[in-house]
Amino acid sequence: MVNPPDDLEALLGAGANLITPFEPLGLLYIAAVARNAGYDVSVIDAYVERLSIDVLKSKILESKADIIGFTSFTSNGAILYELGKWIKVNLPETIIAFGNVHAEAYAEAYLRNKCCDVVVHGEGEHTFLKILHALENKNRDFSNIPSISFFKNGEFITTPGSRVVENLSELPFPARDLVNQKFYNIPSISNLPYSGKKNTIGKHMFTSRGCPHRCTFCVVHNSNRQRQNDVIKVVDEMELLVKQYKADYIFIMDSLFISNKKRVMDICSEVKRRNLDFKWGCEAHVRFIDAELVKIMESAGCYDMAFGIESGVQQLLDNVRKGTRLDKIEEAVKTVKNITEIKVSGLFILGLPGETYNDSLQTIRFAKELPLDMAQFSILVPYPGSPLFNELKAKGEIDTGIRPDGSIDTSVWLRYSSYISYTKNKPIWVTPELNGDMLKKLQKKALRDFYFRPKQFCDQLKRVRVNQLWSTAKIFFKTFY
């Protein structure tokens, strides 16, 4: 299983330094399932180890693997395009499988250009295991395996079937022991509110999958029904991370962690019953905030929450089917800040469909009016696999990189960047009411207006360590100017 290198620096410029390195959990879940079934599995996290393509190729050749699975994102899609073709030439008998949302969106293009043998759709644990069983039985006809794409007799085929794991409790914990843990520390300057000690060990985990909401810019749409892991198993994993992996901080990645109040309260109660000492954060949702819940979360170690606020203009929220109201956003943020010490981050998007320059300014003003500790202002990107991408693709209004002859111009994917203002690239799509240069300037302005206020500036300055002053200064300049 390989987490490939990526083009984050080309996509994000200096902004790549703000990304917190976390383990590739999708691959580690699949690795754990395969290992439990008796297969010999190894994992290469080429991204976090910053392996060059040549070094990665050498490791792949040395592995003599029967099958190699790659996770795909827009940031590494171009690398996979070339790397997959190279492997098929140099290891023609090795099966190459791509997974995750970018590969799903470009399944036919990847397969047609001989970058891989199969693309796995959705959550891959059970599907990948079925592929392994087929190979073990010398069977390379994957027609009976659900939710995959491949070519058979020159025909592109996508098989039907469930793309999700229904019972999350049946999955083993991710095989974190297969990656080198020294690479997963939280830097002092990052996109997380928590910085902690000099060498803070940060982990992340999922306690549920799926989201019933249908925000048009979101790519997480394998299931509109939330599936939740067992409370005891959730806390078992937390205890494992704290005691075995020495985690100081855990971020819960669920789209809707707090949607089930009783479950969250039960998790908090179990954390306290076991006397687990760690800080944790989560993505929250304004619909589910109440005073009792956030007090209990804080008592169990909750340090921070991130709210997907997106915009300060109600019509723009409605345009992307956000399903929230500005008054509820304000009420939720103030509830958390008025009765707890929990840090609150606001996640905003500039350039939503229909957005004007004055709308963008209103979003910036709204962010400043809220009692937020941190804010991120991204530029809207219709990522491959999102409903908005599919809509624009159908209308011919976005450059997908796919050319009439079936080839892929992968350089286009470098423009799929939500922090493109760090680079010289132009946004891949801009709402007609704005333009690319204007959006890039607005992103810089938003960050300056929010963080160049005394409290926010001092809070961020406290995070800087003496030995990182120069590197921090360079990131600072490229972030705000």
Protein backbone atom coordinates (compact mmCIF):
# COMPACT_ATOMS: atom_id res chain seq x y z
CA MET A 1 0.00 0.00 0.00
CA VAL A 2 1.48 3.34 -1.07
CA ASN A 3 0.71 6.92 -0.12
CA PRO A 4 2.53 8.57 -3.03
CA PRO A 5 4.47 11.84 -3.07
CA ASP A 6 2.46 14.82 -4.19
CA ASP A 7 2.70 18.27 -5.70
CA LEU A 8 1.60 20.14 -2.58
CA GLU A 9 4.32 22.74 -2.96
CA ALA A 10 3.23 23.41 -6.53
CA LEU A 11 -0.40 23.54 -5.37
CA LEU A 12 0.07 25.47 -2.14
CA GLY A 13 3.52 27.07 -2.30
CA ALA A 14 4.63 28.07 1.21
CA GLY A 15 1.18 27.07 2.45
CA ALA A 16 2.31 23.44 2.28
CA ASN A 17 4.33 24.12 5.45
CA LEU A 18 1.09 24.61 7.39
CA ILE A 19 -0.23 21.12 6.66
CA THR A 20 -0.12 18.76 9.65
CA PRO A 21 1.26 15.30 8.74
CA PHE A 22 -1.18 12.55 9.69
CA GLU A 23 -1.06 8.84 8.90
CA PRO A 24 -2.78 7.61 5.70
CA LEU A 25 -5.63 5.95 7.57
CA GLY A 26 -7.49 4.81 4.47
CA LEU A 27 -4.52 2.67 3.43
CA LEU A 28 -3.86 1.54 6.99
CA TYR A 29 -7.42 0.26 7.41
CA ILE A 30 -7.08 -1.76 4.20
CA ALA A 31 -3.64 -3.00 5.27
CA ALA A 32 -5.05 -4.15 8.62
CA VAL A 33 -7.91 -6.04 6.99
CA ALA A 34 -5.57 -7.71 4.50
CA ARG A 35 -3.05 -8.63 7.20
CA ASN A 36 -5.77 -10.12 9.41
CA ALA A 37 -6.77 -12.29 6.45
CA GLY A 38 -3.24 -13.70 6.31
CA TYR A 39 -1.66 -11.61 3.57
CA ASP A 40 1.84 -10.14 3.77
CA VAL A 41 1.40 -6.36 3.70
CA SER A 42 3.75 -3.40 3.80
CA VAL A 43 3.04 0.33 3.61
CA ILE A 44 5.12 3.14 2.13
CA ASP A 45 4.16 6.68 3.09
CA ALA A 46 6.23 8.42 0.45
CA TYR A 47 4.45 11.72 1.12
CA VAL A 48 5.36 12.14 4.76
CA GLU A 49 8.85 10.64 4.31
CA ARG A 50 9.40 13.02 1.37
CA LEU A 51 10.72 10.22 -0.81
CA SER A 52 11.80 11.14 -4.31
CA ILE A 53 10.18 9.36 -7.22
CA ASP A 54 13.43 7.47 -7.91
CA VAL A 55 13.68 6.23 -4.32
CA LEU A 56 10.02 5.20 -4.38
CA LYS A 57 10.53 3.32 -7.64
CA SER A 58 13.47 1.44 -6.09
CA LYS A 59 11.37 0.46 -3.07
CA ILE A 60 8.56 -0.71 -5.34
CA LEU A 61 10.94 -2.86 -7.38
CA GLU A 62 12.46 -4.33 -4.20
CA SER A 63 9.04 -5.21 -2.81
CA LYS A 64 8.28 -7.73 -5.57
CA ALA A 65 4.64 -7.22 -4.70
CA ASP A 66 1.81 -9.13 -6.36
CA ILE A 67 -0.44 -6.08 -6.00
CA ILE A 68 0.17 -2.43 -5.13
CA GLY A 69 -2.63 -0.17 -3.90
CA PHE A 70 -2.33 3.61 -4.18
CA THR A 71 -4.47 6.28 -2.59
CA SER A 72 -5.22 9.21 -4.88
CA PHE A 73 -5.85 12.91 -4.37
CA THR A 74 -5.84 15.76 -6.85
CA SER A 75 -2.50 16.82 -5.33
CA ASN A 76 -0.82 13.52 -6.31
CA GLY A 77 -2.94 12.64 -9.34
CA ALA A 78 -0.28 13.72 -11.85
CA ILE A 79 2.41 11.69 -10.08
CA LEU A 80 0.17 8.60 -10.09
CA TYR A 81 -0.43 9.07 -13.81
CA GLU A 82 3.28 8.74 -14.59
CA LEU A 83 4.19 6.33 -11.80
CA GLY A 84 1.42 3.89 -12.66
CA LYS A 85 2.49 3.73 -16.31
CA TRP A 86 6.11 3.18 -15.24
CA ILE A 87 5.15 0.27 -12.96
CA LYS A 88 3.06 -1.38 -15.67
CA VAL A 89 6.08 -1.31 -17.99
CA ASN A 90 8.65 -2.48 -15.42
CA LEU A 91 6.45 -4.87 -13.40
CA PRO A 92 3.89 -6.04 -15.96
CA GLU A 93 2.63 -8.92 -13.79
CA THR A 94 1.98 -6.73 -10.75
CA ILE A 95 -1.61 -5.60 -10.34
CA ILE A 96 -1.97 -1.86 -9.76
CA ALA A 97 -5.06 -0.62 -7.89
CA PHE A 98 -6.01 3.04 -7.42
CA GLY A 99 -8.54 4.23 -4.85
CA ASN A 100 -10.05 7.37 -3.29
CA VAL A 101 -12.13 10.14 -4.84
CA HIS A 102 -9.70 11.45 -7.46
CA ALA A 103 -9.16 8.01 -8.98
CA GLU A 104 -12.90 7.40 -8.90
CA ALA A 105 -13.56 10.61 -10.84
CA TYR A 106 -10.91 9.76 -13.46
CA ALA A 107 -11.29 5.97 -13.41
CA GLU A 108 -11.76 5.51 -17.16
CA ALA A 109 -8.97 7.94 -18.05
CA TYR A 110 -6.47 6.27 -15.71
CA LEU A 111 -7.38 2.80 -16.94
CA ARG A 112 -7.45 3.76 -20.62
CA ASN A 113 -3.97 5.29 -20.32
CA LYS A 114 -2.67 2.08 -18.70
CA CYS A 115 -1.83 3.68 -15.35
CA CYS A 116 -3.50 0.91 -13.36
CA ASP A 117 -5.45 -2.35 -13.68
CA VAL A 118 -8.37 -1.57 -11.40
CA VAL A 119 -9.97 1.41 -9.63
CA VAL A 120 -11.72 0.77 -6.32
CA HIS A 121 -14.82 2.88 -5.65
CA GLY A 122 -15.84 3.93 -2.17
CA GLU A 123 -14.56 2.40 1.05
CA GLY A 124 -12.03 -0.19 0.00
CA GLU A 125 -11.55 -2.60 2.90
CA HIS A 126 -13.88 -5.40 1.74
CA THR A 127 -13.42 -4.73 -1.98
CA PHE A 128 -9.64 -4.87 -1.85
CA LEU A 129 -9.80 -8.12 0.11
CA LYS A 130 -11.94 -9.65 -2.63
CA ILE A 131 -9.33 -8.63 -5.20
CA LEU A 132 -6.65 -10.35 -3.08
CA HIS A 133 -8.73 -13.53 -2.87
CA ALA A 134 -9.15 -13.52 -6.66
CA LEU A 135 -5.40 -13.14 -7.23
CA GLU A 136 -4.66 -15.88 -4.72
CA ASN A 137 -6.88 -18.16 -6.80
CA LYS A 138 -5.02 -17.16 -10.01
CA ASN A 139 -8.11 -15.31 -11.19
CA ARG A 140 -7.62 -11.96 -12.90
CA ASP A 141 -11.21 -11.61 -14.03
CA PHE A 142 -12.67 -9.16 -11.54
CA SER A 143 -16.19 -9.12 -12.99
CA ASN A 144 -17.80 -10.51 -9.85
CA ILE A 145 -16.16 -8.03 -7.48
CA PRO A 146 -18.50 -5.14 -6.52
CA SER A 147 -17.79 -1.39 -6.85
CA ILE A 148 -14.69 -1.42 -9.05
CA SER A 149 -13.79 -0.26 -12.56
CA PHE A 150 -11.54 -2.06 -15.06
CA PHE A 151 -11.21 -2.86 -18.75
CA LYS A 152 -12.28 -6.24 -20.10
CA ASN A 153 -11.88 -7.11 -23.79
CA GLY A 154 -11.44 -3.42 -24.57
CA GLU A 155 -14.63 -2.43 -22.74
CA PHE A 156 -14.70 -0.11 -19.73
CA ILE A 157 -16.68 -1.74 -16.92
CA THR A 158 -17.88 -0.47 -13.55
CA THR A 159 -19.43 -3.16 -11.40
CA PRO A 160 -22.48 -2.48 -9.18
CA GLY A 161 -22.62 -3.06 -5.45
CA SER A 162 -22.25 -1.33 -2.10
CA ARG A 163 -19.41 1.18 -1.79
CA VAL A 164 -19.44 1.37 2.00
CA VAL A 165 -18.68 -0.74 5.06
CA GLU A 166 -21.98 -1.12 6.87
CA ASN A 167 -20.67 -2.28 10.25
CA LEU A 168 -17.63 -0.20 11.23
CA SER A 169 -17.16 -2.16 14.46
CA GLU A 170 -16.12 -5.22 12.47
CA LEU A 171 -13.04 -3.42 11.12
CA PRO A 172 -9.71 -3.78 12.93
CA PHE A 173 -7.85 -0.68 14.05
CA PRO A 174 -5.70 0.87 11.30
CA ALA A 175 -2.27 -0.79 10.98
CA ARG A 176 -0.36 2.21 12.32
CA ASP A 177 2.59 -0.03 13.19
CA LEU A 178 3.35 -0.35 9.46
CA VAL A 179 4.46 3.31 9.16
CA ASN A 180 7.32 5.12 10.88
CA GLN A 181 5.78 7.07 13.74
CA LYS A 182 8.58 9.64 13.99
CA PHE A 183 7.14 11.51 11.00
CA TYR A 184 3.77 12.30 12.58
CA ASN A 185 4.44 15.16 14.98
CA ILE A 186 2.43 18.39 15.05
CA PRO A 187 4.54 21.40 13.99
CA SER A 188 4.30 24.59 16.04
CA ILE A 189 2.96 26.50 13.04
CA SER A 190 0.17 24.49 11.47
CA ASN A 191 -3.48 24.61 10.49
CA LEU A 192 -4.41 23.15 13.89
CA PRO A 193 -5.13 25.28 16.97
CA TYR A 194 -3.22 22.81 19.16
CA SER A 195 0.56 23.11 19.15
CA GLY A 196 1.49 21.69 22.54
CA LYS A 197 5.02 20.71 23.46
CA LYS A 198 8.19 20.78 21.37
CA ASN A 199 7.57 17.33 19.92
CA THR A 200 3.84 16.97 20.19
CA ILE A 201 2.58 13.65 18.89
CA GLY A 202 -0.69 14.12 17.06
CA LYS A 203 -2.99 11.40 15.80
CA HIS A 204 -6.27 11.39 14.00
CA MET A 205 -9.07 8.87 13.87
CA PHE A 206 -12.58 8.24 12.62
CA THR A 207 -15.46 7.23 14.84
CA SER A 208 -18.08 7.30 12.07
CA ARG A 209 -18.45 7.52 8.30
CA GLY A 210 -21.03 9.07 6.03
CA CYS A 211 -22.90 12.37 5.95
CA PRO A 212 -26.55 13.04 5.11
CA HIS A 213 -25.83 16.59 3.97
CA ARG A 214 -25.27 17.38 0.32
CA CYS A 215 -23.07 20.48 0.13
CA THR A 216 -22.35 20.83 -3.59
CA PHE A 217 -18.60 21.50 -3.13
CA CYS A 218 -17.97 18.40 -0.96
CA VAL A 219 -16.42 15.19 -2.28
CA VAL A 220 -17.41 13.00 0.69
CA HIS A 221 -20.48 11.40 -0.84
CA ASN A 222 -20.00 7.63 -0.67
CA SER A 223 -22.86 7.38 1.79
CA ASN A 224 -25.63 9.77 2.83
CA ARG A 225 -26.28 7.66 5.90
CA GLN A 226 -24.01 8.07 8.88
CA ARG A 227 -22.60 4.82 10.25
CA GLN A 228 -21.13 4.98 13.76
CA ASN A 229 -18.55 2.84 15.49
CA ASP A 230 -19.27 1.31 18.87
CA VAL A 231 -18.59 3.66 21.81
CA ILE A 232 -16.32 1.21 23.64
CA LYS A 233 -14.31 0.51 20.51
CA VAL A 234 -13.92 4.25 19.89
CA VAL A 235 -12.44 4.76 23.35
CA ASP A 236 -10.36 1.59 22.99
CA GLU A 237 -8.70 3.19 19.98
CA MET A 238 -8.19 6.45 21.86
CA GLU A 239 -6.57 4.53 24.72
CA LEU A 240 -4.33 2.71 22.25
CA LEU A 241 -3.20 6.01 20.73
CA VAL A 242 -2.50 7.56 24.11
CA LYS A 243 -0.79 4.62 25.82
CA GLN A 244 0.98 2.83 22.96
CA TYR A 245 1.62 5.70 20.56
CA LYS A 246 2.04 8.40 23.25
CA ALA A 247 -0.44 10.76 21.58
CA ASP A 248 -0.82 14.14 23.25
CA TYR A 249 -3.59 15.18 20.88
CA ILE A 250 -6.16 13.36 18.74
CA PHE A 251 -8.25 14.96 16.01
CA ILE A 252 -11.56 13.27 15.20
CA MET A 253 -12.08 13.49 11.46
CA ASP A 254 -15.80 12.60 11.29
CA SER A 255 -17.95 14.88 9.17
CA LEU A 256 -20.64 14.82 11.88
CA PHE A 257 -19.01 13.68 15.12
CA ILE A 258 -21.40 15.58 17.39
CA SER A 259 -24.64 14.72 15.56
CA ASN A 260 -25.64 12.08 18.14
CA LYS A 261 -25.55 13.84 21.51
CA LYS A 262 -26.00 10.74 23.66
CA ARG A 263 -23.22 8.90 21.84
CA VAL A 264 -20.78 11.80 22.23
CA MET A 265 -21.65 12.09 25.92
CA ASP A 266 -21.13 8.33 26.34
CA ILE A 267 -17.71 8.59 24.67
CA CYS A 268 -16.77 11.47 26.98
CA SER A 269 -17.95 9.55 30.04
CA GLU A 270 -15.89 6.51 29.06
CA VAL A 271 -12.78 8.66 28.45
CA LYS A 272 -13.12 10.10 31.96
CA ARG A 273 -13.87 6.70 33.52
CA ARG A 274 -10.57 5.39 32.14
CA ASN A 275 -8.69 8.53 33.27
CA LEU A 276 -7.24 9.05 29.80
CA ASP A 277 -5.13 12.21 29.71
CA PHE A 278 -5.04 13.79 26.25
CA LYS A 279 -6.41 16.74 24.33
CA TRP A 280 -8.64 16.29 21.32
CA GLY A 281 -10.40 18.23 18.61
CA CYS A 282 -13.19 17.60 16.15
CA GLU A 283 -15.14 18.98 13.24
CA ALA A 284 -18.42 20.28 14.64
CA HIS A 285 -21.72 21.42 13.17
CA VAL A 286 -23.75 24.38 14.35
CA ARG A 287 -27.01 22.40 14.30
CA PHE A 288 -25.94 20.15 17.15
CA ILE A 289 -24.33 22.56 19.61
CA ASP A 290 -25.86 22.99 23.05
CA ALA A 291 -24.49 24.09 26.41
CA GLU A 292 -24.69 20.71 28.16
CA LEU A 293 -22.89 18.92 25.35
CA VAL A 294 -19.94 21.30 25.01
CA LYS A 295 -19.39 21.42 28.78
CA ILE A 296 -19.14 17.62 28.91
CA MET A 297 -16.86 17.58 25.86
CA GLU A 298 -14.52 20.07 27.54
CA SER A 299 -14.48 18.01 30.75
CA ALA A 300 -13.29 15.00 28.70
CA GLY A 301 -10.38 16.89 27.12
CA CYS A 302 -11.90 18.60 24.07
CA TYR A 303 -9.49 21.39 23.13
CA ASP A 304 -10.84 22.67 19.83
CA MET A 305 -13.73 22.56 17.36
CA ALA A 306 -13.81 23.50 13.70
CA PHE A 307 -17.04 24.79 12.17
CA GLY A 308 -17.60 24.72 8.41
CA ILE A 309 -19.14 28.18 8.22
CA GLU A 310 -18.27 28.83 4.55
CA SER A 311 -19.87 32.27 4.08
CA GLY A 312 -21.34 35.31 5.77
CA VAL A 313 -24.05 35.64 3.10
CA GLN A 314 -27.18 33.53 3.53
CA GLN A 315 -27.97 33.30 -0.19
CA LEU A 316 -24.54 31.85 -0.91
CA LEU A 317 -25.01 29.21 1.78
CA ASP A 318 -28.33 28.31 0.19
CA ASN A 319 -26.69 28.15 -3.26
CA VAL A 320 -24.39 25.33 -2.12
CA ARG A 321 -27.09 23.55 -0.06
CA LYS A 322 -25.25 24.17 3.21
CA GLY A 323 -28.44 23.89 5.25
CA THR A 324 -27.39 26.37 7.94
CA ARG A 325 -28.43 29.90 8.85
CA LEU A 326 -26.22 32.80 9.87
CA ASP A 327 -28.04 33.36 13.16
CA LYS A 328 -27.53 29.70 14.11
CA ILE A 329 -23.83 29.93 13.25
CA GLU A 330 -23.43 32.96 15.50
CA GLU A 331 -25.41 31.34 18.29
CA ALA A 332 -23.39 28.11 18.17
CA VAL A 333 -19.97 29.81 18.18
CA LYS A 334 -20.97 32.10 21.05
CA THR A 335 -22.35 29.18 23.05
CA VAL A 336 -19.02 27.38 22.89
CA LYS A 337 -16.95 30.48 23.67
CA ASN A 338 -19.18 31.85 26.44
CA ILE A 339 -19.22 28.74 28.62
CA THR A 340 -15.96 26.87 27.79
CA GLU A 341 -12.30 27.46 27.01
CA ILE A 342 -12.55 25.35 23.83
CA LYS A 343 -10.78 26.92 20.86
CA VAL A 344 -13.05 27.52 17.88
CA SER A 345 -11.93 27.66 14.26
CA GLY A 346 -14.07 28.92 11.41
CA LEU A 347 -13.67 27.45 7.93
CA PHE A 348 -14.68 29.87 5.17
CA ILE A 349 -14.80 29.65 1.37
CA LEU A 350 -14.38 32.60 -0.98
CA GLY A 351 -15.79 32.47 -4.51
CA LEU A 352 -18.94 30.42 -3.97
CA PRO A 353 -21.37 30.26 -6.91
CA GLY A 354 -23.02 33.66 -7.35
CA GLU A 355 -20.58 35.44 -5.04
CA THR A 356 -19.76 39.09 -5.71
CA TYR A 357 -16.85 41.18 -4.44
CA ASN A 358 -19.09 42.75 -1.80
CA ASP A 359 -20.26 39.29 -0.74
CA SER A 360 -16.64 38.29 -0.15
CA LEU A 361 -16.11 41.40 1.97
CA GLN A 362 -19.24 40.50 3.96
CA THR A 363 -17.83 37.02 4.65
CA ILE A 364 -14.60 38.59 5.93
CA ARG A 365 -16.59 40.97 8.16
CA PHE A 366 -18.71 38.10 9.46
CA ALA A 367 -15.58 36.11 10.37
CA LYS A 368 -14.25 39.09 12.34
CA GLU A 369 -17.54 39.59 14.16
CA LEU A 370 -17.56 36.02 15.47
CA PRO A 371 -15.49 35.16 18.60
CA LEU A 372 -13.23 32.79 16.64
CA ASP A 373 -9.71 31.80 17.69
CA MET A 374 -8.60 30.85 14.19
CA ALA A 375 -9.99 31.09 10.67
CA GLN A 376 -9.17 29.54 7.33
CA PHE A 377 -10.21 31.27 4.12
CA SER A 378 -10.00 28.93 1.15
CA ILE A 379 -10.85 29.64 -2.45
CA LEU A 380 -13.68 27.51 -3.81
CA VAL A 381 -12.38 24.51 -5.76
CA PRO A 382 -14.89 22.23 -7.53
CA TYR A 383 -12.84 19.14 -6.68
CA PRO A 384 -13.24 16.09 -8.93
CA GLY A 385 -16.01 13.93 -7.54
CA SER A 386 -18.05 16.77 -6.03
CA PRO A 387 -21.57 17.56 -7.33
CA LEU A 388 -20.36 21.01 -8.38
CA PHE A 389 -17.51 19.50 -10.42
CA ASN A 390 -19.90 17.09 -12.12
CA GLU A 391 -22.28 19.94 -12.93
CA LEU A 392 -19.55 22.17 -14.39
CA LYS A 393 -18.05 19.23 -16.27
CA ALA A 394 -21.43 18.45 -17.88
CA LYS A 395 -21.74 22.09 -18.95
CA GLY A 396 -18.17 22.20 -20.28
CA GLU A 397 -17.34 25.04 -17.87
CA ILE A 398 -14.29 23.51 -16.17
CA ASP A 399 -11.03 22.10 -17.52
CA THR A 400 -10.85 18.51 -16.28
CA GLY A 401 -7.52 17.86 -17.99
CA ILE A 402 -9.01 15.14 -20.20
CA ARG A 403 -8.30 15.83 -23.87
CA PRO A 404 -10.35 14.73 -26.93
CA ASP A 405 -7.92 11.89 -27.72
CA GLY A 406 -8.39 10.45 -24.23
CA SER A 407 -5.03 11.60 -22.88
CA ILE A 408 -4.74 13.66 -19.68
CA ASP A 409 -3.03 17.01 -19.32
CA THR A 410 -2.14 16.56 -15.66
CA SER A 411 -0.67 20.07 -15.37
CA VAL A 412 -4.26 21.31 -15.16
CA TRP A 413 -4.69 19.62 -11.78
CA LEU A 414 -2.18 22.04 -10.22
CA ARG A 415 -4.88 24.70 -10.53
CA TYR A 416 -7.24 22.71 -8.29
CA SER A 417 -5.94 24.49 -5.20
CA SER A 418 -7.91 26.16 -2.43
CA TYR A 419 -4.83 28.17 -1.42
CA ILE A 420 -3.71 29.12 -4.88
CA SER A 421 -2.80 32.63 -3.72
CA TYR A 422 0.48 31.13 -2.47
CA THR A 423 1.34 30.32 -6.10
CA LYS A 424 1.40 31.96 -9.53
CA ASN A 425 -1.28 29.61 -10.84
CA LYS A 426 -4.79 30.72 -11.77
CA PRO A 427 -7.86 29.16 -10.09
CA ILE A 428 -9.42 26.31 -12.04
CA TRP A 429 -12.86 27.93 -11.92
CA VAL A 430 -14.17 31.33 -10.88
CA THR A 431 -17.76 32.43 -10.47
CA PRO A 432 -18.62 34.95 -13.26
CA GLU A 433 -19.07 37.76 -10.72
CA LEU A 434 -15.35 37.60 -9.79
CA ASN A 435 -12.02 36.80 -11.46
CA GLY A 436 -8.93 34.83 -10.50
CA ASP A 437 -6.68 37.74 -9.57
CA MET A 438 -9.45 39.30 -7.51
CA LEU A 439 -10.03 36.06 -5.60
CA LYS A 440 -6.34 35.62 -4.82
CA LYS A 441 -6.18 39.18 -3.47
CA LEU A 442 -9.33 38.62 -1.43
CA GLN A 443 -7.82 35.53 0.16
CA LYS A 444 -4.76 37.51 1.27
CA LYS A 445 -6.97 40.34 2.49
CA ALA A 446 -9.15 37.96 4.50
CA LEU A 447 -6.13 36.52 6.29
CA ARG A 448 -4.66 39.96 6.99
CA ASP A 449 -7.94 41.40 8.22
CA PHE A 450 -8.55 38.47 10.56
CA TYR A 451 -5.06 37.89 11.97
CA PHE A 452 -3.71 41.45 12.03
CA ARG A 453 -5.86 42.22 15.05
CA PRO A 454 -4.03 42.41 18.40
CA LYS A 455 -5.44 39.32 20.10
CA GLN A 456 -5.23 37.01 17.10
CA PHE A 457 -1.73 38.23 16.19
CA CYS A 458 -0.42 37.73 19.75
CA ASP A 459 -2.02 34.29 20.04
CA GLN A 460 -0.28 33.12 16.87
CA LEU A 461 3.01 34.73 17.90
CA LYS A 462 3.00 32.70 21.12
CA ARG A 463 3.12 29.52 19.01
CA VAL A 464 6.42 30.45 17.34
CA ARG A 465 9.59 28.84 18.69
CA VAL A 466 12.91 30.66 18.64
CA ASN A 467 14.59 28.12 16.38
CA GLN A 468 11.79 28.56 13.83
CA LEU A 469 11.74 32.34 13.63
CA TRP A 470 13.28 32.59 10.15
CA SER A 471 11.17 29.87 8.53
CA THR A 472 8.07 31.25 10.22
CA ALA A 473 8.84 34.75 8.97
CA LYS A 474 9.03 33.48 5.38
CA ILE A 475 5.72 31.66 5.69
CA PHE A 476 4.21 34.74 7.33
CA PHE A 477 5.21 37.00 4.43
CA LYS A 478 3.93 34.61 1.76
CA THR A 479 0.70 34.07 3.66
CA PHE A 480 -0.31 37.69 4.04
CA TYR A 481 1.33 39.43 1.06
